[in-house]
């Protein structure tokens, strides 16, 4: 990524990543659509109630993977292949250790957390069952994200896509079979994700290790290095905190949403999946720019970083425009995909309301995540964290302060308001130019 026209390079690199993200989001969307269509509103609400907890675990996996990708990209950019291979093995070992710890902890605290979130009693057992099975599959989730991050750090965004397409289609097929034929309900949806995710993780990691073994180095390399782990942690730590605090904020808001009743919870559960799909696409461009920035700051070419930043902005603006039109004009139909069509008017209305509010904020959040991608890729993690925490604090604050007067609308309003203030912080840090001095390998 250190040669060629930045726009062309970013498009070629990010397109497979965007497709990978789209297929990865199919896991959560397929679970909710099939549960809502074939089991009912209560099943949709049950998956929605457990969703912020699953997002917290996913946040740790993504944050850890981002740290690995940035450091591997920097070593790869300056052709230190022995250091790069050490970084790969150090990443795999440390990420899987974190996965094991979270799996054990998650299985212990699963049900108490679901109760703490004021989950409606009619969906409590199903929410707990779904979450328990999901947590049991965390090692596979971390395995896949570690492999994907390392492939991305090496400039290969296509290989993970092939595995993901296969596993996503397999997941949908298992969802339908376990829910409609075997009649396992919400548990069937969870087991489908467990199996498909496990297969994807194992295949991706096996292919990665075979690829790494073929890379020749002039000097011997270590399988684990605490100094490199420290470098990875310097990026992964803030990324994990950033992702986790967003999820913790979502957990706080989830308790508020649960208090509004099963229909509002179901409507929000459908709409938030659509929103997360859109924002995940934005974040994928952000991650692509992080790898691009890491390689080019590693090579000392800051002007090329700026060119790539402008190109990323144009690409993500086009994507945001498409999503805005879809959510504004087809919001009710998107929510209706998750329902069985029986007395779902309130569910659809509440979900559509949420989508209209977040669509208004998409131009701002698209700008914010791309700028954050540059800051993160350059190693300017303090700026990255401040921007994200600003968004989080404002979002949670607005939701609770105005809940008494606005009800569920307070949650809807909180998203664009938080994005605006977070974007202002990102802009200030980018214009300061301090990101140019933060890259160290």
Protein backbone atom coordinates (compact mmCIF):
# COMPACT_ATOMS: atom_id res chain seq x y z
CA UNK A 1 0.00 0.00 0.00
CA UNK A 2 3.03 2.28 -0.19
CA UNK A 3 2.89 2.53 -4.01
CA UNK A 4 0.23 3.29 -6.62
CA UNK A 5 -2.63 5.78 -6.67
CA UNK A 6 -4.09 6.02 -3.14
CA UNK A 7 -7.73 5.93 -4.27
CA UNK A 8 -7.16 2.85 -6.42
CA UNK A 9 -5.13 1.13 -3.72
CA UNK A 10 -7.73 1.81 -1.02
CA UNK A 11 -10.61 0.68 -3.23
CA UNK A 12 -8.87 -2.55 -4.18
CA UNK A 13 -7.91 -3.22 -0.57
CA UNK A 14 -11.15 -2.15 1.12
CA UNK A 15 -13.69 -3.76 -1.23
CA UNK A 16 -13.01 -7.34 -0.06
CA UNK A 17 -13.02 -6.04 3.52
CA UNK A 18 -16.40 -4.36 2.95
CA UNK A 19 -17.80 -7.57 1.52
CA UNK A 20 -16.33 -9.52 4.46
CA UNK A 21 -18.00 -7.17 6.92
CA UNK A 22 -21.31 -7.45 5.08
CA UNK A 23 -21.21 -11.24 5.25
CA UNK A 24 -20.04 -11.19 8.88
CA UNK A 25 -23.01 -9.03 9.80
CA UNK A 26 -25.22 -11.66 8.21
CA UNK A 27 -24.58 -13.81 11.28
CA UNK A 28 -26.42 -11.45 13.62
CA UNK A 29 -28.98 -10.33 11.06
CA UNK A 30 -29.83 -13.88 9.97
CA UNK A 31 -30.26 -14.92 13.61
CA UNK A 32 -32.74 -12.13 14.29
CA UNK A 33 -34.62 -12.36 10.98
CA UNK A 34 -35.14 -16.13 11.20
CA UNK A 35 -36.02 -16.02 14.91
CA UNK A 36 -38.49 -13.17 14.36
CA UNK A 37 -40.06 -14.72 11.26
CA UNK A 38 -40.38 -18.32 12.43
CA UNK A 39 -40.54 -18.09 16.23
CA UNK A 40 -42.08 -14.67 16.89
CA UNK A 41 -41.62 -11.25 18.45
CA UNK A 42 -40.53 -12.70 21.79
CA UNK A 43 -37.64 -14.55 20.13
CA UNK A 44 -36.54 -11.36 18.35
CA UNK A 45 -36.67 -9.53 21.68
CA UNK A 46 -34.69 -12.31 23.42
CA UNK A 47 -31.83 -12.05 20.93
CA UNK A 48 -32.00 -8.26 21.18
CA UNK A 49 -31.77 -8.39 24.98
CA UNK A 50 -28.56 -10.42 24.81
CA UNK A 51 -27.14 -8.40 21.92
CA UNK A 52 -25.21 -5.70 23.86
CA UNK A 53 -23.48 -8.42 25.89
CA UNK A 54 -22.40 -10.25 22.72
CA UNK A 55 -21.21 -6.90 21.34
CA UNK A 56 -19.02 -6.40 24.40
CA UNK A 57 -17.16 -9.65 23.71
CA UNK A 58 -16.95 -8.84 20.00
CA UNK A 59 -15.55 -5.42 20.93
CA UNK A 60 -12.64 -7.02 22.74
CA UNK A 61 -11.97 -9.34 19.79
CA UNK A 62 -12.05 -6.46 17.30
CA UNK A 63 -9.95 -4.15 19.47
CA UNK A 64 -7.26 -6.76 20.00
CA UNK A 65 -7.23 -7.56 16.30
CA UNK A 66 -6.84 -3.90 15.33
CA UNK A 67 -3.72 -3.63 17.48
CA UNK A 68 -2.21 -6.66 15.81
CA UNK A 69 -3.06 -5.43 12.33
CA UNK A 70 -1.49 -1.98 12.84
CA UNK A 71 1.84 -3.27 14.21
CA UNK A 72 2.09 -6.05 11.62
CA UNK A 73 1.35 -3.48 8.89
CA UNK A 74 4.10 -1.20 10.15
CA UNK A 75 6.72 -3.98 10.20
CA UNK A 76 5.56 -5.18 6.79
CA UNK A 77 5.73 -1.62 5.42
CA UNK A 78 9.42 -1.27 6.33
CA UNK A 79 10.22 -4.89 5.33
CA UNK A 80 11.25 -6.13 8.78
CA UNK A 81 9.93 -9.60 8.04
CA UNK A 82 11.48 -11.32 11.05
CA UNK A 83 9.82 -8.79 13.37
CA UNK A 84 6.60 -9.13 11.38
CA UNK A 85 6.51 -12.92 11.87
CA UNK A 86 7.21 -12.52 15.58
CA UNK A 87 4.35 -10.02 15.75
CA UNK A 88 2.05 -12.53 14.04
CA UNK A 89 2.79 -15.32 16.53
CA UNK A 90 2.72 -12.96 19.50
CA UNK A 91 -0.70 -11.73 18.35
CA UNK A 92 -2.15 -15.22 17.98
CA UNK A 93 -0.92 -16.45 21.36
CA UNK A 94 -2.03 -13.36 23.30
CA UNK A 95 -5.42 -13.06 21.59
CA UNK A 96 -6.29 -16.70 22.26
CA UNK A 97 -5.24 -16.34 25.91
CA UNK A 98 -7.67 -13.41 26.24
CA UNK A 99 -10.38 -15.48 24.53
CA UNK A 100 -9.99 -18.34 27.02
CA UNK A 101 -10.23 -15.98 29.98
CA UNK A 102 -13.33 -14.24 28.63
CA UNK A 103 -15.05 -17.52 27.83
CA UNK A 104 -14.71 -18.84 31.38
CA UNK A 105 -15.73 -15.51 32.91
CA UNK A 106 -18.65 -15.06 30.52
CA UNK A 107 -20.15 -18.48 31.22
CA UNK A 108 -20.12 -17.70 34.95
CA UNK A 109 -21.72 -14.24 34.81
CA UNK A 110 -24.08 -14.84 31.88
CA UNK A 111 -27.44 -15.14 33.66
CA UNK A 112 -26.79 -12.50 36.37
CA UNK A 113 -25.98 -9.95 33.65
CA UNK A 114 -29.14 -10.74 31.69
CA UNK A 115 -31.20 -10.20 34.87
CA UNK A 116 -29.34 -7.01 35.73
CA UNK A 117 -30.38 -5.51 32.38
CA UNK A 118 -34.06 -5.68 33.40
CA UNK A 119 -34.79 -8.16 30.61
CA UNK A 120 -38.57 -8.77 30.38
CA UNK A 121 -39.51 -11.97 32.17
CA UNK A 122 -41.18 -13.47 29.08
CA UNK A 123 -37.89 -13.51 27.16
CA UNK A 124 -35.40 -14.03 30.01
CA UNK A 125 -34.80 -17.77 29.57
CA UNK A 126 -34.36 -17.57 25.80
CA UNK A 127 -32.00 -14.58 26.11
CA UNK A 128 -29.88 -16.48 28.63
CA UNK A 129 -29.76 -19.62 26.47
CA UNK A 130 -28.72 -17.67 23.37
CA UNK A 131 -26.01 -15.79 25.24
CA UNK A 132 -24.62 -18.91 26.95
CA UNK A 133 -24.10 -20.73 23.65
CA UNK A 134 -22.64 -17.59 22.05
CA UNK A 135 -20.09 -17.22 24.87
CA UNK A 136 -19.09 -20.88 24.54
CA UNK A 137 -18.07 -20.11 20.96
CA UNK A 138 -15.88 -17.10 21.82
CA UNK A 139 -12.56 -18.90 21.10
CA UNK A 140 -13.69 -19.38 17.49
CA UNK A 141 -14.77 -15.73 17.23
CA UNK A 142 -11.36 -14.56 18.46
CA UNK A 143 -9.58 -17.08 16.23
CA UNK A 144 -11.29 -15.77 13.10
CA UNK A 145 -10.79 -12.09 13.97
CA UNK A 146 -7.11 -12.69 14.77
CA UNK A 147 -6.58 -14.39 11.39
CA UNK A 148 -8.48 -11.65 9.56
CA UNK A 149 -6.50 -8.89 11.24
CA UNK A 150 -3.19 -10.53 10.36
CA UNK A 151 -4.21 -11.08 6.75
CA UNK A 152 -5.23 -7.41 6.61
CA UNK A 153 -1.93 -6.33 8.14
CA UNK A 154 -0.16 -8.20 5.34
CA UNK A 155 -2.25 -6.36 2.75
CA UNK A 156 -4.49 -9.36 1.94
CA UNK A 157 -8.17 -8.60 2.41
CA UNK A 158 -9.46 -11.23 -0.04
CA UNK A 159 -8.59 -14.51 1.68
CA UNK A 160 -10.75 -13.93 4.79
CA UNK A 161 -13.64 -13.00 2.50
CA UNK A 162 -13.70 -16.43 0.86
CA UNK A 163 -14.01 -18.22 4.19
CA UNK A 164 -16.59 -15.76 5.44
CA UNK A 165 -18.85 -16.13 2.41
CA UNK A 166 -18.85 -19.88 2.89
CA UNK A 167 -19.48 -19.74 6.64
CA UNK A 168 -22.19 -17.06 6.31
CA UNK A 169 -24.16 -19.11 3.82
CA UNK A 170 -23.62 -22.18 6.00
CA UNK A 171 -24.85 -20.24 9.03
CA UNK A 172 -28.10 -19.22 7.31
CA UNK A 173 -28.72 -22.79 6.17
CA UNK A 174 -28.19 -24.09 9.71
CA UNK A 175 -30.42 -21.33 11.14
CA UNK A 176 -33.29 -22.38 8.92
CA UNK A 177 -32.73 -26.10 9.57
CA UNK A 178 -32.44 -25.80 13.36
CA UNK A 179 -35.41 -23.44 13.72
CA UNK A 180 -37.90 -24.76 11.16
CA UNK A 181 -37.04 -28.47 10.98
CA UNK A 182 -35.51 -29.34 14.35
CA UNK A 183 -37.67 -26.75 16.20
CA UNK A 184 -34.91 -25.61 18.55
CA UNK A 185 -36.11 -22.01 18.57
CA UNK A 186 -33.66 -19.40 19.85
CA UNK A 187 -31.21 -22.14 20.89
CA UNK A 188 -31.11 -23.39 17.30
CA UNK A 189 -30.13 -19.94 16.08
CA UNK A 190 -27.31 -19.81 18.63
CA UNK A 191 -25.98 -23.27 17.74
CA UNK A 192 -26.00 -22.39 14.04
CA UNK A 193 -23.77 -19.40 14.75
CA UNK A 194 -21.50 -21.50 16.98
CA UNK A 195 -20.90 -24.13 14.30
CA UNK A 196 -20.50 -21.76 11.35
CA UNK A 197 -18.25 -19.40 13.30
CA UNK A 198 -16.12 -22.29 14.52
CA UNK A 199 -15.58 -23.64 11.03
CA UNK A 200 -14.71 -20.19 9.69
CA UNK A 201 -12.18 -19.54 12.46
CA UNK A 202 -10.36 -22.85 12.12
CA UNK A 203 -10.12 -22.67 8.32
CA UNK A 204 -8.93 -19.04 8.33
CA UNK A 205 -6.24 -19.69 10.93
CA UNK A 206 -4.99 -22.87 9.20
CA UNK A 207 -4.63 -20.98 5.92
CA UNK A 208 -2.87 -18.09 7.64
CA UNK A 209 -0.28 -20.33 9.31
CA UNK A 210 0.46 -22.01 5.97
CA UNK A 211 0.91 -18.57 4.38
CA UNK A 212 3.22 -17.33 7.15
CA UNK A 213 5.39 -20.44 6.91
CA UNK A 214 6.17 -19.61 3.27
CA UNK A 215 7.54 -16.14 4.10
CA UNK A 216 11.33 -16.35 4.25
CA UNK A 217 13.34 -14.23 6.70
CA UNK A 218 17.06 -13.48 6.80
CA UNK A 219 17.21 -13.65 10.58
CA UNK A 220 15.67 -16.15 13.00
CA UNK A 221 12.54 -14.96 14.76
CA UNK A 222 10.87 -15.58 18.09
CA UNK A 223 7.44 -17.14 18.51
CA UNK A 224 6.67 -14.69 21.32
CA UNK A 225 8.22 -11.36 22.28
CA UNK A 226 7.14 -9.20 25.23
CA UNK A 227 8.55 -6.06 23.60
CA UNK A 228 6.38 -6.58 20.54
CA UNK A 229 3.43 -7.52 22.75
CA UNK A 230 3.88 -4.14 24.42
CA UNK A 231 3.75 -2.41 21.02
CA UNK A 232 0.62 -4.36 20.06
CA UNK A 233 -0.96 -3.57 23.44
CA UNK A 234 -0.21 0.14 22.99
CA UNK A 235 -2.62 0.11 20.04
CA UNK A 236 -4.88 -2.78 21.04
CA UNK A 237 -5.41 -1.52 24.61
CA UNK A 238 -6.98 1.80 23.61
CA UNK A 239 -8.87 0.08 20.79
CA UNK A 240 -10.26 -2.51 23.21
CA UNK A 241 -11.18 0.21 25.68
CA UNK A 242 -12.78 2.24 22.92
CA UNK A 243 -14.80 -0.69 21.59
CA UNK A 244 -15.62 -1.96 25.08
CA UNK A 245 -16.74 1.36 26.50
CA UNK A 246 -19.08 1.77 23.55
CA UNK A 247 -20.49 -1.66 24.36
CA UNK A 248 -20.71 -0.83 28.07
CA UNK A 249 -22.59 2.32 27.14
CA UNK A 250 -24.88 0.17 25.02
CA UNK A 251 -25.39 -2.12 28.02
CA UNK A 252 -26.46 0.88 30.11
CA UNK A 253 -28.87 2.03 27.43
CA UNK A 254 -30.13 -1.53 26.93
CA UNK A 255 -31.46 -1.61 30.48
CA UNK A 256 -33.38 1.60 29.71
CA UNK A 257 -34.76 0.15 26.46
CA UNK A 258 -35.79 -3.09 28.17
CA UNK A 259 -37.87 -1.03 30.61
CA UNK A 260 -40.03 0.24 27.72
CA UNK A 261 -41.50 -3.24 27.15
CA UNK A 262 -41.19 -6.19 24.75
CA UNK A 263 -42.58 -4.42 21.63
CA UNK A 264 -40.19 -1.47 21.88
CA UNK A 265 -37.35 -3.89 22.65
CA UNK A 266 -38.22 -5.95 19.56
CA UNK A 267 -38.43 -2.86 17.33
CA UNK A 268 -35.11 -1.57 18.61
CA UNK A 269 -33.54 -5.03 18.27
CA UNK A 270 -34.42 -5.11 14.58
CA UNK A 271 -33.40 -1.51 13.89
CA UNK A 272 -30.10 -1.65 15.77
CA UNK A 273 -29.05 -4.64 13.64
CA UNK A 274 -29.64 -2.56 10.50
CA UNK A 275 -27.76 0.39 12.00
CA UNK A 276 -24.85 -1.77 13.10
CA UNK A 277 -24.62 -3.22 9.61
CA UNK A 278 -24.27 0.30 8.17
CA UNK A 279 -21.83 1.55 10.82
CA UNK A 280 -19.78 -1.66 10.51
CA UNK A 281 -19.30 -0.85 6.82
CA UNK A 282 -18.09 2.63 7.81
CA UNK A 283 -15.73 1.10 10.37
CA UNK A 284 -14.36 -1.28 7.76
CA UNK A 285 -13.22 1.66 5.66
CA UNK A 286 -11.74 3.08 8.86
CA UNK A 287 -9.81 -0.16 9.45
CA UNK A 288 -8.61 -0.20 5.84
CA UNK A 289 -7.32 3.35 6.24
CA UNK A 290 -5.60 2.33 9.50
CA UNK A 291 -3.60 -0.36 7.69
CA UNK A 292 -2.87 2.05 4.83
CA UNK A 293 -1.79 4.76 7.29
CA UNK A 294 0.32 2.32 9.31
CA UNK A 295 2.28 1.14 6.27
CA UNK A 296 2.83 4.65 4.91
CA UNK A 297 3.72 6.27 8.24
CA UNK A 298 6.09 3.35 8.77
CA UNK A 299 7.67 4.33 5.45
CA UNK A 300 7.63 8.03 6.45
CA UNK A 301 5.35 9.13 3.59
CA UNK A 302 2.91 11.49 5.34
CA UNK A 303 1.78 13.22 2.16
CA UNK A 304 0.59 9.87 0.83
CA UNK A 305 -1.34 9.36 4.06
CA UNK A 306 -3.20 12.64 3.47
CA UNK A 307 -4.01 11.62 -0.10
CA UNK A 308 -5.39 8.31 1.11
CA UNK A 309 -7.43 10.10 3.78
CA UNK A 310 -9.12 12.30 1.15
CA UNK A 311 -9.83 9.27 -1.04
CA UNK A 312 -11.33 7.36 1.90
CA UNK A 313 -13.59 10.33 2.62
CA UNK A 314 -14.97 10.32 -0.92
CA UNK A 315 -15.57 6.57 -0.85
CA UNK A 316 -17.33 6.57 2.50
CA UNK A 317 -19.45 9.61 1.55
CA UNK A 318 -20.86 7.65 -1.40
CA UNK A 319 -21.58 4.66 0.84
CA UNK A 320 -23.27 6.87 3.45
CA UNK A 321 -25.52 8.44 0.81
CA UNK A 322 -26.80 5.01 -0.23
CA UNK A 323 -27.49 3.96 3.37
CA UNK A 324 -29.32 7.20 4.15
CA UNK A 325 -31.70 6.71 1.24
CA UNK A 326 -32.35 3.10 2.20
CA UNK A 327 -33.13 3.92 5.84
CA UNK A 328 -35.28 6.96 5.09
CA UNK A 329 -37.38 5.47 2.30
CA UNK A 330 -37.37 1.78 3.23
CA UNK A 331 -36.99 1.93 7.02
CA UNK A 332 -40.33 0.28 7.77
CA UNK A 333 -39.68 -2.53 5.30
CA UNK A 334 -36.23 -3.16 6.73
CA UNK A 335 -37.70 -3.56 10.22
CA UNK A 336 -40.57 -5.67 8.87
CA UNK A 337 -38.02 -8.23 7.60
CA UNK A 338 -37.50 -9.23 11.24
CA UNK A 339 -41.17 -9.80 12.09
CA UNK A 340 -43.74 -12.51 11.37
CA UNK A 341 -46.40 -9.97 10.33
CA UNK A 342 -48.75 -10.61 13.27
CA UNK A 343 -49.71 -7.47 15.20
CA UNK A 344 -46.31 -5.90 14.63
CA UNK A 345 -47.39 -2.30 13.93
CA UNK A 346 -45.79 -0.95 17.12
CA UNK A 347 -42.61 -2.96 16.58
CA UNK A 348 -42.22 -1.59 13.04
CA UNK A 349 -43.07 1.99 14.03
CA UNK A 350 -40.51 2.09 16.86
CA UNK A 351 -37.82 0.51 14.72
CA UNK A 352 -38.46 2.93 11.84
CA UNK A 353 -38.25 5.90 14.22
CA UNK A 354 -34.80 4.81 15.35
CA UNK A 355 -33.56 4.32 11.78
CA UNK A 356 -34.70 7.79 10.70
CA UNK A 357 -32.81 9.44 13.53
CA UNK A 358 -29.55 7.56 12.97
CA UNK A 359 -29.72 8.10 9.20
CA UNK A 360 -29.59 11.85 9.85
CA UNK A 361 -26.27 11.37 11.60
CA UNK A 362 -24.59 9.13 9.01
CA UNK A 363 -22.66 11.90 7.19
CA UNK A 364 -21.10 12.87 10.53
CA UNK A 365 -20.29 9.39 11.81
CA UNK A 366 -18.85 8.43 8.42
CA UNK A 367 -16.44 11.37 8.66
CA UNK A 368 -15.63 10.54 12.29
CA UNK A 369 -14.71 6.89 11.78
CA UNK A 370 -12.47 7.61 8.78
CA UNK A 371 -10.60 10.29 10.74
CA UNK A 372 -10.33 7.91 13.68
CA UNK A 373 -8.87 5.32 11.30
CA UNK A 374 -6.04 7.69 10.37
CA UNK A 375 -5.38 8.60 14.01
CA UNK A 376 -5.33 4.94 15.05
CA UNK A 377 -3.14 3.85 12.13
CA UNK A 378 -0.61 6.55 12.93
CA UNK A 379 -0.47 5.44 16.57
CA UNK A 380 -2.14 8.58 17.98
CA UNK A 381 -4.28 6.53 20.35
CA UNK A 382 -5.00 9.23 22.94
CA UNK A 383 -6.82 11.32 20.33
CA UNK A 384 -8.65 8.23 19.12
CA UNK A 385 -9.85 7.41 22.63
CA UNK A 386 -10.93 10.96 23.52
CA UNK A 387 -13.00 11.21 20.36
CA UNK A 388 -14.74 7.90 21.06
CA UNK A 389 -15.36 8.58 24.74
CA UNK A 390 -16.88 11.95 23.91
CA UNK A 391 -19.38 10.20 21.66
CA UNK A 392 -20.11 7.54 24.30
CA UNK A 393 -20.59 9.87 27.27
CA UNK A 394 -22.89 12.18 25.34
CA UNK A 395 -24.94 9.29 23.96
CA UNK A 396 -25.55 7.66 27.34
CA UNK A 397 -26.18 11.03 29.01
CA UNK A 398 -28.77 12.17 26.48
CA UNK A 399 -30.57 8.81 26.63
CA UNK A 400 -31.09 8.95 30.39
CA UNK A 401 -31.55 12.70 30.89
CA UNK A 402 -34.39 12.96 28.38
CA UNK A 403 -35.94 9.50 28.86
CA UNK A 404 -38.60 10.86 31.21
CA UNK A 405 -39.95 13.32 28.64
CA UNK A 406 -39.12 11.67 25.33
CA UNK A 407 -39.24 7.98 26.20
CA UNK A 408 -37.63 5.77 23.56
CA UNK A 409 -37.02 8.86 21.36
CA UNK A 410 -34.29 9.93 23.81
CA UNK A 411 -32.26 6.88 22.76
CA UNK A 412 -32.87 7.69 19.08
CA UNK A 413 -31.72 11.31 19.48
CA UNK A 414 -28.63 10.34 21.46
CA UNK A 415 -26.90 8.66 18.51
CA UNK A 416 -26.57 11.64 16.10
CA UNK A 417 -25.84 14.05 18.99
CA UNK A 418 -22.98 11.86 20.25
CA UNK A 419 -21.59 11.43 16.74
CA UNK A 420 -21.49 15.18 16.13
CA UNK A 421 -19.49 15.97 19.26
CA UNK A 422 -17.17 12.99 18.72
CA UNK A 423 -16.52 14.13 15.13
CA UNK A 424 -15.59 17.63 16.33
CA UNK A 425 -12.97 16.09 18.64
CA UNK A 426 -11.57 13.95 15.79
CA UNK A 427 -11.29 16.98 13.51
CA UNK A 428 -9.36 18.97 16.12
CA UNK A 429 -6.84 16.16 16.60
CA UNK A 430 -6.37 15.64 12.87
CA UNK A 431 -5.81 19.34 12.18
CA UNK A 432 -3.25 19.52 15.00
CA UNK A 433 -0.89 17.40 12.87
CA UNK A 434 0.49 15.60 15.92
CA UNK A 435 -0.42 12.24 14.40
CA UNK A 436 2.64 12.56 12.14
CA UNK A 437 5.00 12.02 15.08
CA UNK A 438 3.25 9.06 16.71
CA UNK A 439 4.34 6.15 14.51
CA UNK A 440 7.11 4.09 16.11
CA UNK A 441 8.24 0.58 15.12
